Amino acid sequence: MMLAGEAAFVAGDFAGYFALARRAASLRRGAARRGAGPETTPATCLVVDHFAGMTATFEGRYREAGRLLRRVMRLAEGTSDPYCALWAGQAAYTLGDAARARAFAVAAAESARGSGALSLVPAALVYQALAALLTDRCATAEEAALEGLRLARRTGQRNLAVDHLAVLALVSALQGNGEDAAARLRSITHQVSTWGLGRPAAFGRWASACADLAANRPADALTQLTGMAHTAVGNQTNLAIRQLATPHFVEAAVRCDRRAKAAEALRSYHGWAASGTSAARLALAYRCHALLEADEAAADEQFRHAAQLHQRDGAILELAKTELFQAHRLRRARKPRPARELLREALQIFQQFGAVSWARRATEELRATGARVPAPTLGEGAFAPVAELTPQQTRICELVTQGATNQEIAEVLMVSVRTVEYHLRNVFTRLGVRSRVELAAHFR
């Protein structure tokens, strides 16, 4: 029944999911009346509590959901079953506990490998990737999703391969790399519509909206997120991903002067974020309040609160976006000096993440304050790399060493050729090499 619930969840069939949850609860009550024992086993209790906790989450009963999902995590600690660890990871992610979500997902993968159940590993890697994204570990998320994609294909799990490609598109979009996000989404469009995959369909809309926001197209983003209420697959509403995407809906709606809709969505999101353990999610709620706030002093206070929460959870990329939004408001209020301070820090973070679209927006805002901004030194849209190579850059170097062309590397990593070229320029500069031959020699 739990596997059937997972299938309904991936398909976006929440009516079917709720029916399974009611049936599971009924079976447990019936067993208790008969004095039967299975309802007392940790695995059975975990399944029933998971069904009930996720249902309570989707229905907005957040206090009850938190109690049930925390019990799921406690029960999982007493079993070595990889499925139980996986479902506990989902519970932890729902509550916003990135560290425990990752720990349970890693435990599920290790247990599955140890028992020979390799087909479960790609599912665990979905939650490893999502847990990393919760606190802006974009490189870690991409590494997990790429490994999950490879293993899903090897084990013939086409649906999970699509899931990982949708997560990879979201990673690209959150960093403002719209071209990569679009390439990854194009590769799954047919499968999503043909196979009835509601979860990746919703992820795809979310990713497209994030890319539109980074490229300063709020109206397009609002269209994508409004359409998420009814995906192209079965006309179902994906309640989980719609909630996760609420901060981006609010951002797009405010910029399109749809404040009433934004405020309505934010009420539910804030209640959910406040009931969990994620400072990063709560920070997004306060940022949304700041975007909606009419009073300048009150908005500044909300922005400051959001920034403190970003820093507490280490969500640095979202911190930079919050600083960009606050600086835009300060500049419009004729306060260029504090706006410049925020924008310089935001620009540095965007450059560190390779978030080209966001860095471009921060640069434009800085120039609007009257500040002089040096031009990029590595070509249009390119920025100096961080102190060490990212996992994706390392993988590109490995493929170059094997003799792969840029086109072949792009196909393996499901990114554009332009992205491969961009990373190689940064790698050449970082390592002080001038050709692919020198790069291959360096890695040998």
Protein backbone atom coordinates (compact mmCIF):
# COMPACT_ATOMS: atom_id res chain seq x y z
CA MET A 1 0.00 0.00 0.00
CA MET A 2 2.85 2.36 0.77
CA LEU A 3 4.38 1.70 -2.65
CA ALA A 4 0.98 2.34 -4.21
CA GLY A 5 0.88 5.63 -2.30
CA GLU A 6 4.30 6.54 -3.67
CA ALA A 7 3.06 5.77 -7.19
CA ALA A 8 0.04 8.03 -6.65
CA PHE A 9 2.35 10.74 -5.30
CA VAL A 10 4.62 10.62 -8.37
CA ALA A 11 1.61 10.62 -10.69
CA GLY A 12 0.13 13.60 -8.85
CA ASP A 13 -2.99 11.59 -7.96
CA PHE A 14 -3.62 13.04 -4.51
CA ALA A 15 -7.22 11.83 -4.37
CA GLY A 16 -5.88 8.30 -4.78
CA TYR A 17 -3.22 8.97 -2.16
CA PHE A 18 -5.80 10.16 0.39
CA ALA A 19 -7.93 7.07 -0.27
CA LEU A 20 -4.94 4.82 0.44
CA ALA A 21 -4.19 6.75 3.63
CA ARG A 22 -7.76 6.22 4.86
CA ARG A 23 -7.57 2.54 4.03
CA ALA A 24 -4.27 2.13 5.88
CA ALA A 25 -5.69 3.83 8.98
CA SER A 26 -8.80 1.64 8.80
CA LEU A 27 -6.74 -1.56 8.60
CA ARG A 28 -4.70 -0.51 11.60
CA ARG A 29 -7.83 0.24 13.64
CA GLY A 30 -9.35 -3.08 12.63
CA ALA A 31 -6.25 -4.98 13.68
CA ALA A 32 -6.25 -3.18 17.02
CA ARG A 33 -9.89 -4.15 17.65
CA ARG A 34 -9.11 -7.79 16.91
CA GLY A 35 -6.11 -7.72 19.21
CA ALA A 36 -3.77 -8.61 16.34
CA GLY A 37 -0.09 -7.75 16.62
CA PRO A 38 1.16 -6.38 13.26
CA GLU A 39 0.03 -2.86 14.05
CA THR A 40 2.66 -2.71 16.82
CA THR A 41 5.68 -3.38 14.58
CA PRO A 42 7.82 -0.30 13.87
CA ALA A 43 7.52 -0.69 10.09
CA THR A 44 3.72 -0.90 10.16
CA CYS A 45 3.40 2.04 12.53
CA LEU A 46 5.82 4.02 10.38
CA VAL A 47 3.77 3.41 7.22
CA VAL A 48 0.46 4.40 8.82
CA ASP A 49 1.98 7.49 10.50
CA HIS A 50 3.64 8.50 7.23
CA PHE A 51 0.35 8.30 5.35
CA ALA A 52 -1.41 10.28 8.08
CA GLY A 53 1.39 12.84 8.43
CA MET A 54 1.67 13.58 4.73
CA THR A 55 -2.13 13.81 4.42
CA ALA A 56 -2.24 16.27 7.34
CA THR A 57 0.49 18.32 5.61
CA PHE A 58 -1.43 18.51 2.34
CA GLU A 59 -4.63 19.46 4.17
CA GLY A 60 -2.94 22.25 6.16
CA ARG A 61 -3.03 20.58 9.59
CA TYR A 62 0.63 21.37 10.21
CA ARG A 63 0.85 20.80 13.97
CA GLU A 64 -0.60 17.32 13.63
CA ALA A 65 1.59 16.65 10.60
CA GLY A 66 4.73 17.62 12.50
CA ARG A 67 3.88 15.28 15.39
CA LEU A 68 3.26 12.33 13.05
CA LEU A 69 6.25 12.88 10.76
CA ARG A 70 8.63 13.27 13.70
CA ARG A 71 7.34 9.92 14.97
CA VAL A 72 8.08 8.44 11.53
CA MET A 73 11.70 9.54 11.93
CA ARG A 74 11.94 8.05 15.43
CA LEU A 75 10.51 4.73 14.22
CA ALA A 76 12.95 4.61 11.29
CA GLU A 77 15.90 4.81 13.66
CA GLY A 78 14.87 1.43 15.07
CA THR A 79 14.88 -0.46 11.77
CA SER A 80 17.44 -1.24 9.07
CA ASP A 81 14.83 -1.48 6.31
CA PRO A 82 15.93 0.78 3.40
CA TYR A 83 12.33 1.63 2.53
CA CYS A 84 11.70 2.85 6.07
CA ALA A 85 14.83 5.01 5.90
CA LEU A 86 13.68 6.42 2.55
CA TRP A 87 10.22 7.32 3.87
CA ALA A 88 11.79 8.87 6.97
CA GLY A 89 13.94 10.98 4.65
CA GLN A 90 10.80 12.16 2.89
CA ALA A 91 9.26 13.01 6.27
CA ALA A 92 12.36 14.97 7.31
CA TYR A 93 12.39 16.86 3.99
CA THR A 94 8.71 17.72 4.41
CA LEU A 95 9.52 19.21 7.82
CA GLY A 96 12.48 21.08 6.35
CA ASP A 97 15.17 19.19 8.31
CA ALA A 98 17.87 19.10 5.62
CA ALA A 99 20.49 17.31 7.74
CA ARG A 100 18.21 14.45 8.78
CA ALA A 101 16.66 14.19 5.32
CA ARG A 102 20.11 13.70 3.86
CA ALA A 103 21.15 11.28 6.62
CA PHE A 104 18.09 9.08 6.11
CA ALA A 105 18.50 9.17 2.31
CA VAL A 106 22.16 8.18 2.61
CA ALA A 107 21.22 5.39 5.05
CA ALA A 108 18.55 4.15 2.63
CA ALA A 109 21.05 4.06 -0.25
CA GLU A 110 23.72 2.30 1.81
CA SER A 111 21.25 -0.26 3.15
CA ALA A 112 19.91 -0.89 -0.34
CA ARG A 113 23.40 -1.41 -1.75
CA GLY A 114 24.31 -3.69 1.14
CA SER A 115 21.26 -5.88 0.63
CA GLY A 116 21.53 -5.96 -3.16
CA ALA A 117 18.40 -3.83 -3.67
CA LEU A 118 20.14 -1.49 -6.13
CA SER A 119 16.85 -0.42 -7.69
CA LEU A 120 16.07 1.59 -4.54
CA VAL A 121 19.25 3.69 -4.70
CA PRO A 122 18.03 6.18 -7.37
CA ALA A 123 14.92 6.90 -5.27
CA ALA A 124 17.11 7.65 -2.25
CA LEU A 125 19.28 9.93 -4.37
CA VAL A 126 16.20 12.04 -5.24
CA TYR A 127 15.94 13.02 -1.58
CA GLN A 128 19.69 13.47 -1.23
CA ALA A 129 19.48 16.02 -4.04
CA LEU A 130 16.39 17.77 -2.66
CA ALA A 131 17.88 17.92 0.85
CA ALA A 132 20.99 19.59 -0.57
CA LEU A 133 18.88 22.14 -2.47
CA LEU A 134 17.09 23.06 0.74
CA THR A 135 20.22 24.90 1.90
CA ASP A 136 21.62 25.93 -1.51
CA ARG A 137 24.15 23.06 -1.86
CA CYS A 138 23.63 23.24 -5.61
CA ALA A 139 26.80 21.37 -6.60
CA THR A 140 26.01 18.57 -4.13
CA ALA A 141 22.42 18.37 -5.40
CA GLU A 142 23.60 18.18 -9.00
CA GLU A 143 26.13 15.47 -8.18
CA ALA A 144 23.47 13.35 -6.42
CA ALA A 145 20.94 13.82 -9.23
CA LEU A 146 23.48 12.94 -11.93
CA GLU A 147 24.41 9.76 -10.07
CA GLY A 148 20.71 8.99 -9.59
CA LEU A 149 20.09 9.53 -13.31
CA ARG A 150 22.92 7.16 -14.24
CA LEU A 151 21.73 4.43 -11.83
CA ALA A 152 18.06 4.84 -12.81
CA ARG A 153 18.96 4.29 -16.45
CA ARG A 154 21.19 1.33 -15.59
CA THR A 155 18.39 -0.34 -13.60
CA GLY A 156 15.73 0.41 -16.22
CA GLN A 157 13.72 2.80 -14.03
CA ARG A 158 12.52 5.30 -16.59
CA ASN A 159 10.25 7.24 -14.24
CA LEU A 160 13.05 7.84 -11.74
CA ALA A 161 15.36 8.92 -14.57
CA VAL A 162 12.77 11.57 -15.47
CA ASP A 163 12.54 12.59 -11.79
CA HIS A 164 16.28 13.19 -11.66
CA LEU A 165 16.27 15.19 -14.89
CA ALA A 166 13.49 17.37 -13.46
CA VAL A 167 15.54 17.92 -10.28
CA LEU A 168 18.58 18.78 -12.42
CA ALA A 169 16.46 21.34 -14.29
CA LEU A 170 15.46 22.86 -10.95
CA VAL A 171 19.11 23.05 -9.86
CA SER A 172 19.96 24.96 -13.03
CA ALA A 173 16.94 27.24 -12.73
CA LEU A 174 17.56 28.17 -9.09
CA GLN A 175 21.05 29.28 -10.13
CA GLY A 176 19.55 31.30 -12.97
CA ASN A 177 20.92 29.07 -15.74
CA GLY A 178 17.79 29.11 -17.86
CA GLU A 179 19.38 27.60 -20.97
CA ASP A 180 20.47 24.50 -19.07
CA ALA A 181 17.12 24.21 -17.31
CA ALA A 182 15.29 24.41 -20.64
CA ALA A 183 17.57 21.78 -22.23
CA ARG A 184 16.96 19.37 -19.36
CA LEU A 185 13.20 19.94 -19.45
CA ARG A 186 13.04 19.44 -23.22
CA SER A 187 14.61 16.01 -22.75
CA ILE A 188 11.67 14.81 -20.60
CA THR A 189 8.67 16.61 -22.12
CA HIS A 190 7.48 13.57 -24.08
CA GLN A 191 7.90 11.13 -21.18
CA VAL A 192 6.11 13.39 -18.70
CA SER A 193 3.03 13.78 -20.89
CA THR A 194 2.98 10.20 -22.21
CA TRP A 195 3.60 8.36 -18.94
CA GLY A 196 1.45 10.58 -16.71
CA LEU A 197 4.23 11.77 -14.39
CA GLY A 198 2.70 14.51 -12.26
CA ARG A 199 5.64 15.15 -9.94
CA PRO A 200 8.24 15.91 -12.65
CA ALA A 201 5.60 17.89 -14.53
CA ALA A 202 5.19 20.12 -11.47
CA PHE A 203 8.95 20.28 -10.96
CA GLY A 204 9.24 21.36 -14.59
CA ARG A 205 6.81 24.24 -14.19
CA TRP A 206 8.59 25.31 -11.01
CA ALA A 207 11.98 25.18 -12.73
CA SER A 208 10.71 27.16 -15.73
CA ALA A 209 9.30 29.81 -13.40
CA CYS A 210 12.58 30.11 -11.47
CA ALA A 211 14.47 30.57 -14.73
CA ASP A 212 11.98 33.25 -15.83
CA LEU A 213 12.39 35.11 -12.53
CA ALA A 214 16.18 35.04 -12.82
CA ALA A 215 15.89 36.44 -16.35
CA ASN A 216 13.55 39.21 -15.11
CA ARG A 217 10.39 37.81 -16.75
CA PRO A 218 7.91 37.83 -13.82
CA ALA A 219 4.80 37.62 -16.02
CA ASP A 220 6.05 34.41 -17.65
CA ALA A 221 6.92 33.01 -14.23
CA LEU A 222 3.46 33.82 -12.90
CA THR A 223 1.87 32.01 -15.85
CA GLN A 224 3.94 28.90 -15.14
CA LEU A 225 3.18 28.89 -11.41
CA THR A 226 -0.51 29.63 -11.86
CA GLY A 227 -0.65 26.72 -14.29
CA MET A 228 0.88 24.47 -11.64
CA ALA A 229 -2.54 24.33 -9.96
CA HIS A 230 -3.55 22.03 -12.81
CA THR A 231 -0.64 20.24 -14.44
CA ALA A 232 -0.76 18.93 -17.95
CA VAL A 233 -0.92 15.42 -16.50
CA GLY A 234 -4.41 14.35 -15.49
CA ASN A 235 -5.45 17.90 -14.51
CA GLN A 236 -4.19 17.17 -10.98
CA THR A 237 -2.87 19.69 -8.48
CA ASN A 238 0.52 18.72 -7.05
CA LEU A 239 0.00 19.94 -3.51
CA ALA A 240 3.56 19.27 -2.33
CA ILE A 241 5.45 21.08 -5.06
CA ARG A 242 2.92 23.90 -5.26
CA GLN A 243 3.67 24.64 -1.60
CA LEU A 244 7.43 24.49 -2.18
CA ALA A 245 7.09 26.93 -5.08
CA THR A 246 5.00 29.47 -3.13
CA PRO A 247 7.86 31.95 -2.48
CA HIS A 248 8.48 32.19 -6.21
CA PHE A 249 4.74 32.58 -6.87
CA VAL A 250 4.67 35.47 -4.38
CA GLU A 251 7.70 37.10 -5.99
CA ALA A 252 6.15 36.88 -9.46
CA ALA A 253 2.68 37.96 -8.29
CA VAL A 254 3.99 41.03 -6.44
CA ARG A 255 5.96 42.16 -9.46
CA CYS A 256 2.83 41.70 -11.61
CA ASP A 257 0.70 43.63 -9.07
CA ARG A 258 -1.33 40.57 -8.06
CA ARG A 259 -0.87 41.21 -4.35
CA ALA A 260 -4.12 39.68 -3.12
CA LYS A 261 -3.25 36.33 -4.70
CA ALA A 262 0.27 36.55 -3.29
CA ALA A 263 -0.96 37.27 0.23
CA GLU A 264 -3.43 34.38 0.10
CA ALA A 265 -0.73 31.90 -0.94
CA LEU A 266 1.72 33.23 1.64
CA ARG A 267 -0.64 32.62 4.57
CA SER A 268 -0.59 28.87 3.98
CA TYR A 269 3.14 28.76 3.22
CA HIS A 270 4.11 30.66 6.37
CA GLY A 271 2.03 28.32 8.51
CA TRP A 272 3.76 25.32 6.97
CA ALA A 273 7.27 26.80 7.21
CA ALA A 274 6.76 27.87 10.83
CA SER A 275 5.64 24.35 11.80
CA GLY A 276 8.87 22.74 10.59
CA THR A 277 12.54 23.01 11.41
CA SER A 278 13.88 24.81 8.33
CA ALA A 279 15.21 28.30 8.93
CA ALA A 280 15.75 28.49 5.16
CA ARG A 281 12.04 28.01 4.39
CA LEU A 282 10.99 30.41 7.12
CA ALA A 283 13.45 32.96 5.70
CA LEU A 284 11.64 32.76 2.36
CA ALA A 285 8.36 33.43 4.16
CA TYR A 286 9.75 36.60 5.77
CA ARG A 287 11.20 37.69 2.42
CA CYS A 288 7.74 37.31 0.89
CA HIS A 289 6.22 39.41 3.70
CA ALA A 290 8.81 42.09 2.95
CA LEU A 291 7.90 42.07 -0.74
CA LEU A 292 4.25 42.56 0.17
CA GLU A 293 4.83 45.15 2.91
CA ALA A 294 3.76 48.72 2.11
CA ASP A 295 5.63 50.37 4.98
CA GLU A 296 9.36 50.87 4.27
CA ALA A 297 10.55 50.40 7.85
CA ALA A 298 8.47 47.25 8.31
CA ALA A 299 9.76 45.85 5.02
CA ASP A 300 13.39 46.47 6.08
CA GLU A 301 12.71 44.60 9.33
CA GLN A 302 11.26 41.63 7.45
CA PHE A 303 14.22 41.59 5.07
CA ARG A 304 16.67 41.64 8.00
CA HIS A 305 14.85 38.80 9.70
CA ALA A 306 14.97 36.80 6.47
CA ALA A 307 18.71 37.44 6.08
CA GLN A 308 19.42 36.23 9.62
CA LEU A 309 17.50 33.00 8.97
CA HIS A 310 19.29 32.44 5.64
CA GLN A 311 22.61 32.71 7.43
CA ARG A 312 21.51 30.37 10.21
CA ASP A 313 20.77 27.57 7.73
CA GLY A 314 23.62 28.44 5.37
CA ALA A 315 21.31 29.22 2.43
CA ILE A 316 23.76 31.68 0.89
CA LEU A 317 22.36 31.86 -2.64
CA GLU A 318 18.90 32.74 -1.32
CA LEU A 319 20.54 35.27 1.02
CA ALA A 320 21.97 37.01 -2.04
CA LYS A 321 18.54 37.12 -3.69
CA THR A 322 17.03 38.60 -0.52
CA GLU A 323 19.77 41.24 -0.47
CA LEU A 324 19.08 42.02 -4.14
CA PHE A 325 15.36 42.52 -3.48
CA GLN A 326 16.02 44.67 -0.42
CA ALA A 327 18.58 46.75 -2.30
CA HIS A 328 16.11 47.33 -5.14
CA ARG A 329 13.61 48.66 -2.64
CA LEU A 330 16.22 50.86 -0.93
CA ARG A 331 17.31 52.31 -4.26
CA ARG A 332 13.72 53.12 -5.17
CA ALA A 333 13.40 54.84 -1.76
CA ARG A 334 16.45 57.01 -2.67
CA LYS A 335 18.84 55.24 -0.28
CA PRO A 336 21.69 54.34 -2.63
CA ARG A 337 24.46 53.86 -0.05
CA PRO A 338 22.92 50.95 1.92
CA ALA A 339 21.67 49.53 -1.38
CA ARG A 340 25.25 49.43 -2.73
CA GLU A 341 26.52 47.58 0.33
CA LEU A 342 23.92 44.86 -0.08
CA LEU A 343 24.40 44.62 -3.83
CA ARG A 344 28.17 44.20 -3.65
CA GLU A 345 27.78 41.26 -1.28
CA ALA A 346 24.99 39.77 -3.38
CA LEU A 347 27.04 40.12 -6.57
CA GLN A 348 29.99 38.34 -4.98
CA ILE A 349 27.77 35.42 -3.95
CA PHE A 350 26.15 35.17 -7.38
CA GLN A 351 29.60 35.09 -8.99
CA GLN A 352 30.72 32.38 -6.57
CA PHE A 353 27.74 30.23 -7.54
CA GLY A 354 28.14 30.94 -11.25
CA ALA A 355 24.59 32.37 -11.20
CA VAL A 356 25.04 34.47 -14.33
CA SER A 357 21.50 35.83 -14.71
CA TRP A 358 21.29 36.84 -11.07
CA ALA A 359 24.75 38.41 -11.20
CA ARG A 360 23.69 40.40 -14.24
CA ARG A 361 20.64 41.73 -12.36
CA ALA A 362 22.78 42.68 -9.35
CA THR A 363 25.21 44.45 -11.66
CA GLU A 364 22.39 46.44 -13.27
CA GLU A 365 21.08 47.43 -9.83
CA LEU A 366 24.57 48.50 -8.73
CA ARG A 367 24.98 50.71 -11.78
CA ALA A 368 21.54 52.21 -11.13
CA THR A 369 22.81 53.34 -7.72
CA GLY A 370 25.66 55.21 -9.43
CA ALA A 371 28.35 52.65 -8.54
CA ARG A 372 31.07 51.70 -11.00
CA VAL A 373 31.15 47.96 -11.68
CA PRO A 374 34.14 46.28 -13.37
CA ALA A 375 33.28 44.27 -16.46
CA PRO A 376 33.61 40.45 -16.27
CA THR A 377 37.07 39.29 -17.23
CA LEU A 378 36.29 35.84 -18.67
CA GLY A 379 33.97 36.83 -21.50
CA GLU A 380 30.36 37.96 -21.56
CA GLY A 381 28.40 36.50 -18.67
CA ALA A 382 31.40 34.66 -17.24
CA PHE A 383 32.72 35.08 -13.73
CA ALA A 384 35.81 33.96 -11.84
CA PRO A 385 35.48 30.43 -10.42
CA VAL A 386 35.54 29.53 -6.76
CA ALA A 387 38.71 28.38 -5.00
CA GLU A 388 38.30 24.71 -6.02
CA LEU A 389 36.55 22.86 -8.82
CA THR A 390 32.90 22.00 -8.39
CA PRO A 391 31.81 18.34 -8.79
CA GLN A 392 30.45 19.15 -12.25
CA GLN A 393 33.70 20.83 -13.31
CA THR A 394 35.65 17.81 -12.06
CA ARG A 395 33.37 15.49 -14.04
CA ILE A 396 33.87 17.60 -17.17
CA CYS A 397 37.65 17.34 -16.70
CA GLU A 398 37.39 13.56 -16.37
CA LEU A 399 35.43 13.36 -19.61
CA VAL A 400 37.94 15.62 -21.40
CA THR A 401 40.70 13.28 -20.20
CA GLN A 402 38.77 10.38 -21.75
CA GLY A 403 38.74 12.23 -25.09
CA ALA A 404 35.09 13.36 -25.10
CA THR A 405 34.11 16.37 -27.21
CA ASN A 406 32.13 19.28 -25.79
CA GLN A 407 29.01 17.95 -27.54
CA GLU A 408 29.51 14.49 -26.02
CA ILE A 409 30.08 15.99 -22.55
CA ALA A 410 26.90 18.04 -22.88
CA GLU A 411 24.93 14.90 -23.75
CA VAL A 412 26.33 12.95 -20.78
CA LEU A 413 25.64 15.76 -18.27
CA MET A 414 22.35 16.83 -19.89
CA VAL A 415 23.47 20.47 -20.22
CA SER A 416 24.09 22.79 -23.14
CA VAL A 417 27.37 22.91 -25.06
CA ARG A 418 27.63 26.55 -24.03
CA THR A 419 27.64 25.52 -20.37
CA VAL A 420 30.45 23.03 -20.99
CA GLU A 421 32.47 25.76 -22.73
CA TYR A 422 31.80 28.16 -19.85
CA HIS A 423 33.01 25.64 -17.24
CA LEU A 424 36.09 24.76 -19.29
CA ARG A 425 37.11 28.44 -19.53
CA ASN A 426 36.85 28.70 -15.75
CA VAL A 427 38.80 25.45 -15.26
CA PHE A 428 41.56 26.60 -17.63
CA THR A 429 41.92 29.83 -15.67
CA ARG A 430 41.83 28.10 -12.28
CA LEU A 431 44.39 25.43 -13.19
CA GLY A 432 46.59 27.63 -15.37
CA VAL A 433 46.31 25.42 -18.46
CA ARG A 434 45.83 26.58 -22.04
CA SER A 435 44.52 23.55 -23.93
CA ARG A 436 42.60 20.30 -23.59
CA VAL A 437 45.88 18.41 -23.96
CA GLU A 438 47.38 20.25 -20.96
CA LEU A 439 44.18 19.71 -19.00
CA ALA A 440 44.22 15.97 -19.69
CA ALA A 441 47.88 15.79 -18.69
CA HIS A 442 47.10 17.63 -15.45
CA PHE A 443 44.44 15.07 -14.50
CA ARG A 444 46.55 12.07 -15.49
